[in-house]
Amino acid sequence: MEKKENIILTKTIAFSLLIIEFCENLEREQKFVIANQLLKAGTSIGANIHEAQNAESKADFIHKVKIAAKEVEEVKYWIILCKEAKSYPFNQELETQIKEIGLIIYKILSSSKKK
């Protein structure tokens, strides 16, 4: 039997790769503080989602996914700053992807809590 693709794992890896690329661009433009914050939060989402796949219990799974959800909100904040600051680059694809990832994560949390 073929294993079904785990869409949130796939999306968080793709997002992390895009974040790395964007943060390298920020660093080239000497925007080090936001580059560092965004890189940590953006890659942490996928790390926590991956960790949740081997959670010790349902409570542990929910906890790890909640951490990922918090990181989603932090990433949204840094992306808004990049979007609104005149001297910062902005990447529309990052904004689109983080919104999609957030919706999936909140759906996972919602359905996990019901079970």
N, C-alpha and C. Protein backbone atom coordinates (compact mmCIF):
# COMPACT_ATOMS: atom_id res chain seq x y z
N MET A 1 0.84 -1.19 0.00
CA MET A 1 0.00 0.00 0.00
C MET A 1 0.89 1.25 0.00
N GLU A 2 0.59 2.18 -0.88
CA GLU A 2 1.37 3.40 -1.01
C GLU A 2 1.05 4.36 0.12
N LYS A 3 2.11 4.93 0.71
CA LYS A 3 1.93 5.87 1.81
C LYS A 3 1.45 7.21 1.26
N LYS A 4 0.42 7.77 1.88
CA LYS A 4 -0.15 9.04 1.45
C LYS A 4 0.81 10.18 1.82
N GLU A 5 0.93 11.14 0.91
CA GLU A 5 1.79 12.30 1.16
C GLU A 5 1.27 13.09 2.35
N ASN A 6 2.17 13.50 3.21
CA ASN A 6 1.82 14.36 4.34
C ASN A 6 2.04 15.80 3.88
N ILE A 7 0.95 16.47 3.53
CA ILE A 7 1.02 17.79 2.90
C ILE A 7 1.71 18.83 3.78
N ILE A 8 1.52 18.78 5.09
CA ILE A 8 2.13 19.78 5.95
C ILE A 8 3.65 19.59 6.02
N LEU A 9 4.10 18.34 5.97
CA LEU A 9 5.55 18.10 5.93
C LEU A 9 6.14 18.67 4.63
N THR A 10 5.50 18.38 3.53
CA THR A 10 5.95 18.86 2.22
C THR A 10 5.97 20.38 2.18
N LYS A 11 4.89 21.00 2.64
CA LYS A 11 4.79 22.46 2.60
C LYS A 11 5.80 23.14 3.52
N THR A 12 6.05 22.58 4.70
CA THR A 12 6.99 23.23 5.61
C THR A 12 8.43 23.10 5.12
N ILE A 13 8.76 22.02 4.44
CA ILE A 13 10.10 21.92 3.85
C ILE A 13 10.27 22.95 2.74
N ALA A 14 9.30 23.04 1.85
CA ALA A 14 9.36 24.01 0.76
C ALA A 14 9.44 25.44 1.32
N PHE A 15 8.65 25.70 2.37
CA PHE A 15 8.65 27.02 2.99
C PHE A 15 10.02 27.32 3.62
N SER A 16 10.59 26.35 4.32
CA SER A 16 11.90 26.56 4.94
C SER A 16 12.96 26.89 3.89
N LEU A 17 12.92 26.20 2.77
CA LEU A 17 13.88 26.48 1.70
C LEU A 17 13.70 27.90 1.15
N LEU A 18 12.45 28.32 1.01
CA LEU A 18 12.17 29.68 0.53
C LEU A 18 12.61 30.72 1.56
N ILE A 19 12.40 30.42 2.84
CA ILE A 19 12.82 31.32 3.92
C ILE A 19 14.35 31.47 3.91
N ILE A 20 15.06 30.36 3.76
CA ILE A 20 16.52 30.42 3.72
C ILE A 20 16.99 31.34 2.60
N GLU A 21 16.41 31.16 1.43
CA GLU A 21 16.76 31.98 0.27
C GLU A 21 16.46 33.46 0.53
N PHE A 22 15.29 33.75 1.09
CA PHE A 22 14.90 35.14 1.36
C PHE A 22 15.82 35.76 2.41
N CYS A 23 16.15 34.99 3.45
CA CYS A 23 17.01 35.51 4.52
C CYS A 23 18.43 35.75 4.02
N GLU A 24 18.90 34.94 3.10
CA GLU A 24 20.20 35.19 2.48
C GLU A 24 20.17 36.52 1.73
N ASN A 25 19.05 36.80 1.08
CA ASN A 25 18.87 38.07 0.38
C ASN A 25 18.86 39.23 1.38
N LEU A 26 18.15 39.05 2.51
CA LEU A 26 18.14 40.09 3.55
C LEU A 26 19.55 40.36 4.06
N GLU A 27 20.32 39.29 4.27
CA GLU A 27 21.69 39.46 4.75
C GLU A 27 22.57 40.19 3.74
N ARG A 28 22.38 39.91 2.45
CA ARG A 28 23.13 40.63 1.41
C ARG A 28 22.83 42.13 1.48
N GLU A 29 21.60 42.45 1.90
CA GLU A 29 21.21 43.85 2.03
C GLU A 29 21.46 44.38 3.45
N GLN A 30 22.19 43.61 4.24
CA GLN A 30 22.60 43.96 5.60
C GLN A 30 21.41 44.20 6.54
N LYS A 31 20.37 43.42 6.37
CA LYS A 31 19.19 43.45 7.25
C LYS A 31 19.30 42.26 8.19
N PHE A 32 20.35 42.26 9.00
CA PHE A 32 20.74 41.08 9.78
C PHE A 32 19.76 40.70 10.88
N VAL A 33 19.20 41.67 11.58
CA VAL A 33 18.33 41.36 12.73
C VAL A 33 17.08 40.62 12.26
N ILE A 34 16.39 41.16 11.29
CA ILE A 34 15.18 40.50 10.81
C ILE A 34 15.53 39.21 10.07
N ALA A 35 16.63 39.19 9.35
CA ALA A 35 17.05 37.95 8.68
C ALA A 35 17.22 36.83 9.70
N ASN A 36 17.86 37.14 10.82
CA ASN A 36 18.10 36.14 11.85
C ASN A 36 16.78 35.67 12.50
N GLN A 37 15.93 36.61 12.86
CA GLN A 37 14.65 36.29 13.50
C GLN A 37 13.77 35.46 12.56
N LEU A 38 13.69 35.89 11.32
CA LEU A 38 12.84 35.23 10.33
C LEU A 38 13.37 33.83 10.01
N LEU A 39 14.68 33.69 9.91
CA LEU A 39 15.27 32.39 9.63
C LEU A 39 14.97 31.40 10.75
N LYS A 40 15.13 31.84 11.99
CA LYS A 40 14.88 30.96 13.14
C LYS A 40 13.41 30.54 13.21
N ALA A 41 12.52 31.53 13.16
CA ALA A 41 11.09 31.23 13.27
C ALA A 41 10.58 30.43 12.06
N GLY A 42 11.02 30.83 10.87
CA GLY A 42 10.54 30.18 9.65
C GLY A 42 10.94 28.73 9.52
N THR A 43 12.15 28.40 9.93
CA THR A 43 12.59 27.01 9.84
C THR A 43 12.12 26.19 11.04
N SER A 44 11.79 26.86 12.13
CA SER A 44 11.30 26.18 13.33
C SER A 44 9.92 25.54 13.10
N ILE A 45 9.13 26.14 12.23
CA ILE A 45 7.80 25.60 11.95
C ILE A 45 7.93 24.15 11.47
N GLY A 46 8.72 23.95 10.45
CA GLY A 46 8.91 22.61 9.89
C GLY A 46 9.57 21.66 10.88
N ALA A 47 10.52 22.18 11.65
CA ALA A 47 11.20 21.33 12.63
C ALA A 47 10.20 20.80 13.66
N ASN A 48 9.31 21.66 14.14
CA ASN A 48 8.33 21.23 15.13
C ASN A 48 7.28 20.30 14.53
N ILE A 49 6.87 20.56 13.31
CA ILE A 49 5.91 19.67 12.64
C ILE A 49 6.54 18.30 12.42
N HIS A 50 7.81 18.28 12.03
CA HIS A 50 8.50 17.00 11.84
C HIS A 50 8.65 16.27 13.18
N GLU A 51 9.00 17.00 14.22
CA GLU A 51 9.12 16.40 15.54
C GLU A 51 7.79 15.81 16.00
N ALA A 52 6.70 16.48 15.69
CA ALA A 52 5.37 16.03 16.10
C ALA A 52 5.02 14.67 15.49
N GLN A 53 5.63 14.33 14.37
CA GLN A 53 5.34 13.06 13.72
C GLN A 53 5.74 11.86 14.58
N ASN A 54 6.65 12.09 15.52
CA ASN A 54 7.10 11.03 16.42
C ASN A 54 6.83 11.39 17.87
N ALA A 55 5.72 12.05 18.08
CA ALA A 55 5.36 12.46 19.43
C ALA A 55 5.13 11.25 20.32
N GLU A 56 5.39 11.43 21.61
CA GLU A 56 5.25 10.34 22.58
C GLU A 56 3.80 10.08 22.96
N SER A 57 2.97 11.09 22.77
CA SER A 57 1.55 10.96 23.13
C SER A 57 0.75 11.98 22.32
N LYS A 58 -0.56 11.89 22.43
CA LYS A 58 -1.42 12.86 21.76
C LYS A 58 -1.16 14.26 22.30
N ALA A 59 -0.99 14.36 23.63
CA ALA A 59 -0.71 15.66 24.25
C ALA A 59 0.62 16.23 23.75
N ASP A 60 1.61 15.38 23.60
CA ASP A 60 2.92 15.80 23.09
C ASP A 60 2.78 16.27 21.64
N PHE A 61 2.01 15.55 20.84
CA PHE A 61 1.75 15.93 19.45
C PHE A 61 1.12 17.33 19.40
N ILE A 62 0.07 17.53 20.18
CA ILE A 62 -0.62 18.82 20.20
C ILE A 62 0.33 19.93 20.64
N HIS A 63 1.14 19.66 21.65
CA HIS A 63 2.09 20.65 22.15
C HIS A 63 3.07 21.08 21.05
N LYS A 64 3.61 20.13 20.32
CA LYS A 64 4.58 20.45 19.27
C LYS A 64 3.91 21.22 18.12
N VAL A 65 2.70 20.85 17.79
CA VAL A 65 1.97 21.56 16.73
C VAL A 65 1.62 22.98 17.20
N LYS A 66 1.32 23.14 18.49
CA LYS A 66 1.05 24.49 19.03
C LYS A 66 2.30 25.37 18.94
N ILE A 67 3.46 24.79 19.19
CA ILE A 67 4.70 25.56 19.05
C ILE A 67 4.86 26.01 17.59
N ALA A 68 4.58 25.11 16.66
CA ALA A 68 4.65 25.46 15.24
C ALA A 68 3.67 26.60 14.92
N ALA A 69 2.48 26.56 15.52
CA ALA A 69 1.49 27.61 15.30
C ALA A 69 1.99 28.96 15.81
N LYS A 70 2.65 28.96 16.95
CA LYS A 70 3.23 30.21 17.48
C LYS A 70 4.29 30.75 16.53
N GLU A 71 5.09 29.86 16.00
CA GLU A 71 6.14 30.28 15.06
C GLU A 71 5.52 30.84 13.77
N VAL A 72 4.39 30.28 13.34
CA VAL A 72 3.68 30.81 12.17
C VAL A 72 3.33 32.28 12.41
N GLU A 73 2.81 32.57 13.59
CA GLU A 73 2.41 33.95 13.90
C GLU A 73 3.62 34.87 13.94
N GLU A 74 4.74 34.39 14.47
CA GLU A 74 5.95 35.22 14.48
C GLU A 74 6.42 35.50 13.06
N VAL A 75 6.41 34.48 12.22
CA VAL A 75 6.82 34.66 10.82
C VAL A 75 5.92 35.68 10.13
N LYS A 76 4.62 35.58 10.37
CA LYS A 76 3.70 36.55 9.77
C LYS A 76 4.09 37.98 10.16
N TYR A 77 4.47 38.16 11.42
CA TYR A 77 4.88 39.48 11.92
C TYR A 77 6.10 40.00 11.15
N TRP A 78 7.14 39.17 11.03
CA TRP A 78 8.36 39.61 10.35
C TRP A 78 8.08 39.89 8.87
N ILE A 79 7.21 39.09 8.27
CA ILE A 79 6.87 39.32 6.85
C ILE A 79 6.12 40.63 6.69
N ILE A 80 5.23 40.94 7.62
CA ILE A 80 4.51 42.22 7.58
C ILE A 80 5.51 43.38 7.66
N LEU A 81 6.49 43.27 8.56
CA LEU A 81 7.49 44.33 8.68
C LEU A 81 8.25 44.50 7.37
N CYS A 82 8.63 43.40 6.74
CA CYS A 82 9.33 43.49 5.45
C CYS A 82 8.44 44.13 4.39
N LYS A 83 7.17 43.79 4.43
CA LYS A 83 6.22 44.33 3.45
C LYS A 83 6.01 45.83 3.64
N GLU A 84 5.93 46.26 4.89
CA GLU A 84 5.61 47.65 5.20
C GLU A 84 6.82 48.58 5.21
N ALA A 85 8.00 48.05 5.52
CA ALA A 85 9.21 48.89 5.58
C ALA A 85 9.68 49.22 4.17
N LYS A 86 9.89 50.48 3.91
CA LYS A 86 10.27 50.91 2.56
C LYS A 86 11.64 50.39 2.15
N SER A 87 12.52 50.18 3.10
CA SER A 87 13.90 49.80 2.77
C SER A 87 14.15 48.30 2.81
N TYR A 88 13.08 47.49 2.94
CA TYR A 88 13.23 46.04 3.01
C TYR A 88 12.64 45.36 1.79
N PRO A 89 13.26 44.26 1.36
CA PRO A 89 12.64 43.48 0.29
C PRO A 89 11.42 42.73 0.83
N PHE A 90 10.56 42.34 -0.06
CA PHE A 90 9.34 41.60 0.30
C PHE A 90 9.15 40.49 -0.70
N ASN A 91 8.64 39.35 -0.22
CA ASN A 91 8.40 38.21 -1.09
C ASN A 91 6.94 37.77 -0.91
N GLN A 92 6.12 38.02 -1.92
CA GLN A 92 4.69 37.70 -1.87
C GLN A 92 4.46 36.20 -1.67
N GLU A 93 5.31 35.38 -2.26
CA GLU A 93 5.16 33.93 -2.14
C GLU A 93 5.30 33.48 -0.68
N LEU A 94 6.21 34.11 0.06
CA LEU A 94 6.35 33.80 1.50
C LEU A 94 5.05 34.08 2.24
N GLU A 95 4.46 35.23 1.94
CA GLU A 95 3.21 35.61 2.60
C GLU A 95 2.09 34.62 2.27
N THR A 96 2.00 34.24 1.02
CA THR A 96 0.97 33.29 0.60
C THR A 96 1.17 31.93 1.27
N GLN A 97 2.41 31.44 1.26
CA GLN A 97 2.69 30.13 1.83
C GLN A 97 2.48 30.09 3.35
N ILE A 98 2.86 31.16 4.06
CA ILE A 98 2.70 31.12 5.51
C ILE A 98 1.22 31.14 5.89
N LYS A 99 0.41 31.81 5.10
CA LYS A 99 -1.03 31.80 5.36
C LYS A 99 -1.59 30.40 5.16
N GLU A 100 -1.19 29.72 4.09
CA GLU A 100 -1.64 28.35 3.82
C GLU A 100 -1.19 27.40 4.92
N ILE A 101 0.07 27.50 5.32
CA ILE A 101 0.61 26.64 6.37
C ILE A 101 -0.14 26.88 7.67
N GLY A 102 -0.40 28.14 7.98
CA GLY A 102 -1.15 28.47 9.19
C GLY A 102 -2.52 27.83 9.19
N LEU A 103 -3.22 27.91 8.09
CA LEU A 103 -4.56 27.31 8.01
C LEU A 103 -4.51 25.80 8.23
N ILE A 104 -3.52 25.15 7.64
CA ILE A 104 -3.39 23.70 7.81
C ILE A 104 -3.07 23.36 9.26
N ILE A 105 -2.15 24.09 9.86
CA ILE A 105 -1.77 23.83 11.25
C ILE A 105 -2.96 24.04 12.19
N TYR A 106 -3.72 25.09 11.98
CA TYR A 106 -4.88 25.33 12.85
C TYR A 106 -5.94 24.25 12.66
N LYS A 107 -6.06 23.74 11.45
CA LYS A 107 -6.99 22.63 11.19
C LYS A 107 -6.51 21.36 11.90
N ILE A 108 -5.21 21.10 11.85
CA ILE A 108 -4.64 19.94 12.56
C ILE A 108 -4.92 20.06 14.05
N LEU A 109 -4.69 21.23 14.61
CA LEU A 109 -4.94 21.43 16.05
C LEU A 109 -6.41 21.23 16.39
N SER A 110 -7.27 21.81 15.56
CA SER A 110 -8.70 21.70 15.80
C SER A 110 -9.17 20.25 15.76
N SER A 111 -8.75 19.49 14.76
CA SER A 111 -9.19 18.10 14.65
C SER A 111 -8.51 17.21 15.70
N SER A 112 -7.29 17.54 16.10
CA SER A 112 -6.59 16.76 17.13
C SER A 112 -7.25 16.91 18.50
N LYS A 113 -7.74 18.08 18.78
CA LYS A 113 -8.36 18.34 20.08
C LYS A 113 -9.73 17.68 20.19
N LYS A 114 -10.40 17.48 19.04
CA LYS A 114 -11.74 16.88 19.03
C LYS A 114 -11.71 15.38 19.30
N LYS A 115 -10.63 14.73 18.87
CA LYS A 115 -10.55 13.27 18.97
C LYS A 115 -10.40 12.80 20.38
